[in-house]
Amino acid sequence: MRISEFQLKDVVSVSDGKKLGNIGDIDIDLNTGKIEAVVISRPGKVLGLFGKEEDIVIPWKHIVKIGEDVILVQVHQESHQLESAETTTF
């Protein structure tokens, strides 16, 4: 699968069925070449002018299934923590 195809899929939480967004970045361990996490980019609050919500970082091990149209992830409500991350962007 190409990264560009991966980024087009909707990311959905299996715990509540909520769409979290789309993958904006991928965090890769440069030593191993393995994907460590995916980063869901959040849209700006008002046309991107008045700040930006923090990104959601989802560890690779929390991806349950990658389908044709969606990526199902296991995140708990309390782990919907919005985190910033340094990522390798493609």
N, C-alpha and C. Protein backbone atom coordinates (compact mmCIF):
# COMPACT_ATOMS: atom_id res chain seq x y z
N MET A 1 0.84 -1.17 0.00
CA MET A 1 0.00 0.00 0.00
C MET A 1 0.89 1.24 0.00
N ARG A 2 0.51 2.20 -0.78
CA ARG A 2 1.25 3.46 -0.83
C ARG A 2 0.78 4.39 0.28
N ILE A 3 1.66 5.24 0.74
CA ILE A 3 1.30 6.19 1.79
C ILE A 3 0.18 7.10 1.34
N SER A 4 0.17 7.50 0.09
CA SER A 4 -0.89 8.37 -0.42
C SER A 4 -2.25 7.69 -0.32
N GLU A 5 -2.32 6.39 -0.54
CA GLU A 5 -3.58 5.64 -0.39
C GLU A 5 -3.98 5.56 1.08
N PHE A 6 -3.01 5.38 1.92
CA PHE A 6 -3.21 5.28 3.37
C PHE A 6 -3.82 6.58 3.91
N GLN A 7 -3.36 7.70 3.40
CA GLN A 7 -3.81 9.01 3.88
C GLN A 7 -5.23 9.35 3.45
N LEU A 8 -5.75 8.71 2.44
CA LEU A 8 -7.10 8.99 1.97
C LEU A 8 -8.19 8.31 2.80
N LYS A 9 -7.82 7.32 3.58
CA LYS A 9 -8.80 6.57 4.36
C LYS A 9 -9.23 7.34 5.61
N ASP A 10 -10.52 7.20 5.97
CA ASP A 10 -11.02 7.78 7.21
C ASP A 10 -10.53 6.92 8.38
N VAL A 11 -10.17 7.57 9.47
CA VAL A 11 -9.76 6.86 10.68
C VAL A 11 -10.95 6.89 11.64
N VAL A 12 -11.39 5.69 12.07
CA VAL A 12 -12.58 5.55 12.90
C VAL A 12 -12.24 4.78 14.17
N SER A 13 -12.75 5.27 15.31
CA SER A 13 -12.56 4.59 16.59
C SER A 13 -13.54 3.44 16.69
N VAL A 14 -13.03 2.23 17.01
CA VAL A 14 -13.92 1.08 17.16
C VAL A 14 -14.73 1.14 18.45
N SER A 15 -14.28 1.92 19.43
CA SER A 15 -14.99 1.97 20.72
C SER A 15 -16.29 2.76 20.65
N ASP A 16 -16.34 3.81 19.80
CA ASP A 16 -17.57 4.60 19.72
C ASP A 16 -18.02 4.90 18.29
N GLY A 17 -17.29 4.40 17.30
CA GLY A 17 -17.66 4.61 15.90
C GLY A 17 -17.43 6.02 15.38
N LYS A 18 -16.76 6.83 16.17
CA LYS A 18 -16.53 8.23 15.82
C LYS A 18 -15.40 8.36 14.81
N LYS A 19 -15.63 9.18 13.78
CA LYS A 19 -14.58 9.46 12.81
C LYS A 19 -13.62 10.45 13.45
N LEU A 20 -12.34 10.07 13.47
CA LEU A 20 -11.32 10.91 14.09
C LEU A 20 -10.68 11.86 13.09
N GLY A 21 -10.74 11.51 11.81
CA GLY A 21 -10.14 12.35 10.78
C GLY A 21 -9.38 11.51 9.78
N ASN A 22 -8.39 12.11 9.17
CA ASN A 22 -7.55 11.43 8.19
C ASN A 22 -6.09 11.55 8.61
N ILE A 23 -5.29 10.63 8.16
CA ILE A 23 -3.88 10.63 8.51
C ILE A 23 -3.18 11.77 7.79
N GLY A 24 -2.50 12.58 8.59
CA GLY A 24 -1.74 13.69 8.04
C GLY A 24 -0.26 13.39 7.96
N ASP A 25 0.23 12.66 8.96
CA ASP A 25 1.65 12.32 9.03
C ASP A 25 1.82 10.90 9.55
N ILE A 26 3.01 10.40 9.37
CA ILE A 26 3.37 9.08 9.87
C ILE A 26 4.69 9.21 10.61
N ASP A 27 4.74 8.66 11.82
CA ASP A 27 5.96 8.69 12.63
C ASP A 27 6.71 7.39 12.37
N ILE A 28 7.92 7.51 11.83
CA ILE A 28 8.72 6.35 11.47
C ILE A 28 9.99 6.32 12.30
N ASP A 29 10.32 5.15 12.83
CA ASP A 29 11.59 4.96 13.52
C ASP A 29 12.66 4.85 12.44
N LEU A 30 13.53 5.83 12.38
CA LEU A 30 14.54 5.86 11.32
C LEU A 30 15.58 4.75 11.46
N ASN A 31 15.73 4.20 12.65
CA ASN A 31 16.70 3.12 12.85
C ASN A 31 16.18 1.79 12.31
N THR A 32 14.86 1.54 12.50
CA THR A 32 14.29 0.26 12.08
C THR A 32 13.49 0.36 10.79
N GLY A 33 13.04 1.57 10.45
CA GLY A 33 12.21 1.75 9.26
C GLY A 33 10.75 1.39 9.50
N LYS A 34 10.40 1.09 10.74
CA LYS A 34 9.02 0.69 11.06
C LYS A 34 8.18 1.91 11.43
N ILE A 35 6.89 1.80 11.10
CA ILE A 35 5.95 2.86 11.47
C ILE A 35 5.68 2.73 12.97
N GLU A 36 5.91 3.81 13.70
CA GLU A 36 5.66 3.83 15.14
C GLU A 36 4.26 4.31 15.47
N ALA A 37 3.78 5.30 14.69
CA ALA A 37 2.47 5.89 14.97
C ALA A 37 1.96 6.61 13.73
N VAL A 38 0.66 6.82 13.72
CA VAL A 38 0.06 7.67 12.69
C VAL A 38 -0.46 8.92 13.39
N VAL A 39 -0.47 10.02 12.67
CA VAL A 39 -0.88 11.30 13.24
C VAL A 39 -2.10 11.79 12.48
N ILE A 40 -3.18 12.00 13.22
CA ILE A 40 -4.41 12.52 12.65
C ILE A 40 -4.35 14.04 12.77
N SER A 41 -4.31 14.69 11.63
CA SER A 41 -4.27 16.16 11.63
C SER A 41 -5.67 16.70 11.86
N ARG A 42 -5.77 17.60 12.79
CA ARG A 42 -7.06 18.21 13.11
C ARG A 42 -7.19 19.50 12.33
N PRO A 43 -8.39 19.80 11.84
CA PRO A 43 -8.58 21.04 11.08
C PRO A 43 -8.50 22.26 11.99
N GLY A 44 -8.27 23.41 11.38
CA GLY A 44 -8.29 24.66 12.13
C GLY A 44 -9.68 24.92 12.65
N LYS A 45 -9.78 25.73 13.68
CA LYS A 45 -11.07 25.97 14.32
C LYS A 45 -11.99 26.82 13.44
N VAL A 46 -11.50 27.93 12.93
CA VAL A 46 -12.31 28.79 12.07
C VAL A 46 -11.48 29.16 10.86
N LEU A 47 -11.70 28.43 9.79
CA LEU A 47 -10.96 28.66 8.54
C LEU A 47 -9.45 28.65 8.74
N GLY A 48 -9.01 28.00 9.79
CA GLY A 48 -7.58 27.92 10.06
C GLY A 48 -6.96 29.21 10.57
N LEU A 49 -7.79 30.22 10.83
CA LEU A 49 -7.26 31.53 11.23
C LEU A 49 -7.06 31.69 12.72
N PHE A 50 -7.88 31.04 13.51
CA PHE A 50 -7.85 31.26 14.96
C PHE A 50 -7.32 30.05 15.70
N GLY A 51 -6.17 29.62 15.32
CA GLY A 51 -5.53 28.51 16.01
C GLY A 51 -5.85 27.20 15.34
N LYS A 52 -5.14 26.20 15.77
CA LYS A 52 -5.28 24.86 15.22
C LYS A 52 -5.40 23.90 16.39
N GLU A 53 -6.33 22.95 16.29
CA GLU A 53 -6.42 21.94 17.33
C GLU A 53 -5.17 21.07 17.26
N GLU A 54 -4.82 20.48 18.38
CA GLU A 54 -3.65 19.60 18.42
C GLU A 54 -3.92 18.33 17.64
N ASP A 55 -2.88 17.71 17.17
CA ASP A 55 -2.98 16.46 16.44
C ASP A 55 -3.26 15.30 17.38
N ILE A 56 -3.85 14.24 16.85
CA ILE A 56 -4.05 13.00 17.61
C ILE A 56 -2.99 12.02 17.14
N VAL A 57 -2.20 11.51 18.07
CA VAL A 57 -1.16 10.53 17.75
C VAL A 57 -1.66 9.15 18.17
N ILE A 58 -1.72 8.24 17.20
CA ILE A 58 -2.21 6.89 17.47
C ILE A 58 -1.06 5.91 17.23
N PRO A 59 -0.62 5.22 18.29
CA PRO A 59 0.46 4.23 18.11
C PRO A 59 0.04 3.15 17.12
N TRP A 60 0.98 2.66 16.35
CA TRP A 60 0.72 1.65 15.34
C TRP A 60 0.03 0.42 15.94
N LYS A 61 0.40 0.05 17.17
CA LYS A 61 -0.17 -1.14 17.80
C LYS A 61 -1.66 -0.98 18.10
N HIS A 62 -2.20 0.23 18.02
CA HIS A 62 -3.62 0.46 18.27
C HIS A 62 -4.46 0.42 16.99
N ILE A 63 -3.83 0.17 15.86
CA ILE A 63 -4.58 0.01 14.61
C ILE A 63 -5.12 -1.41 14.59
N VAL A 64 -6.45 -1.52 14.51
CA VAL A 64 -7.11 -2.82 14.56
C VAL A 64 -7.23 -3.43 13.16
N LYS A 65 -7.64 -2.63 12.19
CA LYS A 65 -7.89 -3.15 10.85
C LYS A 65 -7.75 -2.03 9.84
N ILE A 66 -7.14 -2.33 8.71
CA ILE A 66 -7.06 -1.39 7.61
C ILE A 66 -7.92 -1.95 6.49
N GLY A 67 -9.03 -1.26 6.22
CA GLY A 67 -9.96 -1.71 5.18
C GLY A 67 -9.78 -0.90 3.91
N GLU A 68 -10.70 -1.11 2.97
CA GLU A 68 -10.62 -0.39 1.70
C GLU A 68 -10.87 1.10 1.87
N ASP A 69 -11.80 1.46 2.76
CA ASP A 69 -12.19 2.86 2.92
C ASP A 69 -11.84 3.46 4.28
N VAL A 70 -11.65 2.61 5.29
CA VAL A 70 -11.43 3.12 6.64
C VAL A 70 -10.28 2.38 7.32
N ILE A 71 -9.75 3.05 8.35
CA ILE A 71 -8.77 2.45 9.25
C ILE A 71 -9.42 2.43 10.62
N LEU A 72 -9.60 1.26 11.20
CA LEU A 72 -10.21 1.14 12.51
C LEU A 72 -9.12 1.15 13.57
N VAL A 73 -9.30 1.99 14.58
CA VAL A 73 -8.30 2.10 15.64
C VAL A 73 -8.95 1.91 17.00
N GLN A 74 -8.18 1.38 17.93
CA GLN A 74 -8.65 1.18 19.30
C GLN A 74 -8.09 2.29 20.17
N VAL A 75 -8.92 3.25 20.48
CA VAL A 75 -8.53 4.31 21.40
C VAL A 75 -9.61 4.43 22.44
N HIS A 76 -9.20 4.64 23.66
CA HIS A 76 -10.14 4.82 24.76
C HIS A 76 -10.45 6.30 24.88
N GLN A 77 -11.60 6.61 25.42
CA GLN A 77 -12.02 8.01 25.54
C GLN A 77 -10.96 8.84 26.23
N GLU A 78 -10.37 8.30 27.31
CA GLU A 78 -9.35 9.06 28.02
C GLU A 78 -8.05 9.16 27.22
N SER A 79 -7.86 8.27 26.23
CA SER A 79 -6.65 8.36 25.43
C SER A 79 -6.88 9.14 24.15
N HIS A 80 -8.00 9.83 24.06
CA HIS A 80 -8.22 10.75 22.95
C HIS A 80 -7.42 12.01 23.23
N GLN A 81 -6.39 11.85 24.05
CA GLN A 81 -5.52 12.97 24.36
C GLN A 81 -4.97 13.51 23.07
N LEU A 82 -5.02 14.77 22.94
CA LEU A 82 -4.51 15.40 21.74
C LEU A 82 -3.05 15.73 22.01
N GLU A 83 -2.20 15.11 21.24
CA GLU A 83 -0.77 15.26 21.47
C GLU A 83 -0.11 15.88 20.26
N SER A 84 0.97 16.52 20.49
CA SER A 84 1.81 16.97 19.39
C SER A 84 2.93 15.97 19.24
N ALA A 85 3.44 15.81 18.04
CA ALA A 85 4.52 14.87 17.84
C ALA A 85 5.43 15.37 16.74
N GLU A 86 6.70 15.07 16.89
CA GLU A 86 7.63 15.31 15.79
C GLU A 86 7.50 14.10 14.89
N THR A 87 7.22 14.33 13.63
CA THR A 87 7.01 13.21 12.72
C THR A 87 7.80 13.42 11.44
N THR A 88 8.00 12.32 10.76
CA THR A 88 8.59 12.38 9.44
C THR A 88 7.43 12.50 8.46
N THR A 89 7.37 13.57 7.73
CA THR A 89 6.25 13.84 6.83
C THR A 89 6.57 13.35 5.43
N PHE A 90 5.55 12.79 4.80
CA PHE A 90 5.70 12.32 3.42
C PHE A 90 4.79 13.13 2.54
